[in-house]
Amino acid sequence: MITIDEHQALEQVRSRLVERFPQVPAETVHLTVQDVHNRFDGRVRDYVPILVEREAKARLAALAAEAHPQAAT
């Protein structure tokens, strides 16, 4: 069950990742965040947005490096 606070935190995660990975289409960022979020289904929800951002960032960094190897950070 997603709470309003969790929803807002995930929107902030999406915004940060869209900004951090401009070479990755925004739709890909949104789908990646959604995919990672779907993996976290349980009772303790406090850290879910942080865990989602961490894993989504790693996936997007890999995509960005593939798309533009010389610009990878």
Protein backbone atom coordinates (compact mmCIF):
# COMPACT_ATOMS: atom_id res chain seq x y z
CA MET A 1 0.00 0.00 0.00
CA ILE A 2 1.50 3.30 -1.09
CA THR A 3 0.99 6.30 1.17
CA ILE A 4 0.66 9.93 0.08
CA ASP A 5 4.08 10.71 1.59
CA GLU A 6 5.63 7.80 -0.26
CA HIS A 7 3.96 8.92 -3.50
CA GLN A 8 5.35 12.44 -3.06
CA ALA A 9 8.82 11.09 -2.27
CA LEU A 10 8.74 8.93 -5.40
CA GLU A 11 7.75 11.95 -7.50
CA GLN A 12 10.81 13.74 -6.10
CA VAL A 13 12.96 10.70 -6.93
CA ARG A 14 11.68 10.76 -10.51
CA SER A 15 12.39 14.47 -10.84
CA ARG A 16 15.93 14.14 -9.47
CA LEU A 17 16.70 11.21 -11.76
CA VAL A 18 15.27 12.92 -14.86
CA GLU A 19 17.54 15.87 -14.08
CA ARG A 20 20.58 13.69 -13.33
CA PHE A 21 20.20 11.57 -16.49
CA PRO A 22 19.21 14.01 -19.26
CA GLN A 23 20.50 11.58 -21.91
CA VAL A 24 17.93 8.96 -20.82
CA PRO A 25 14.34 9.61 -21.95
CA ALA A 26 12.09 10.79 -19.11
CA GLU A 27 9.67 7.96 -19.86
CA THR A 28 12.49 5.44 -19.30
CA VAL A 29 13.29 7.09 -15.98
CA HIS A 30 9.64 6.92 -14.92
CA LEU A 31 9.34 3.27 -15.96
CA THR A 32 12.58 2.37 -14.19
CA VAL A 33 11.45 4.01 -10.96
CA GLN A 34 8.08 2.26 -11.23
CA ASP A 35 9.73 -1.10 -11.91
CA VAL A 36 12.08 -0.77 -8.95
CA HIS A 37 9.26 0.45 -6.70
CA ASN A 38 7.14 -2.57 -7.58
CA ARG A 39 9.84 -4.82 -6.13
CA PHE A 40 9.39 -3.31 -2.66
CA ASP A 41 6.17 -4.76 -1.34
CA GLY A 42 6.00 -5.07 2.42
CA ARG A 43 4.93 -3.49 5.64
CA VAL A 44 7.81 -1.13 6.44
CA ARG A 45 7.58 1.63 3.86
CA ASP A 46 9.74 4.41 5.37
CA TYR A 47 12.86 3.65 3.35
CA VAL A 48 11.24 2.51 0.11
CA PRO A 49 11.80 5.81 -1.79
CA ILE A 50 15.48 5.82 -0.80
CA LEU A 51 15.92 2.21 -1.89
CA VAL A 52 14.04 2.87 -5.13
CA GLU A 53 16.21 5.89 -5.92
CA ARG A 54 19.44 4.00 -5.21
CA GLU A 55 18.59 1.08 -7.51
CA ALA A 56 16.99 3.23 -10.22
CA LYS A 57 20.06 5.50 -10.23
CA ALA A 58 22.34 2.51 -10.77
CA ARG A 59 20.21 1.21 -13.65
CA LEU A 60 20.00 4.64 -15.28
CA ALA A 61 23.74 5.22 -14.91
CA ALA A 62 24.31 1.98 -16.82
CA LEU A 63 21.87 3.07 -19.55
CA ALA A 64 23.48 6.50 -19.76
CA ALA A 65 26.96 4.95 -20.02
CA GLU A 66 25.78 2.73 -22.86
CA ALA A 67 24.21 5.65 -24.71
CA HIS A 68 27.12 8.06 -24.18
CA PRO A 69 30.24 6.21 -22.92
CA GLN A 70 32.41 9.33 -22.97
CA ALA A 71 29.99 11.28 -20.71
CA ALA A 72 29.51 8.62 -17.99
CA THR A 73 29.95 9.89 -14.45
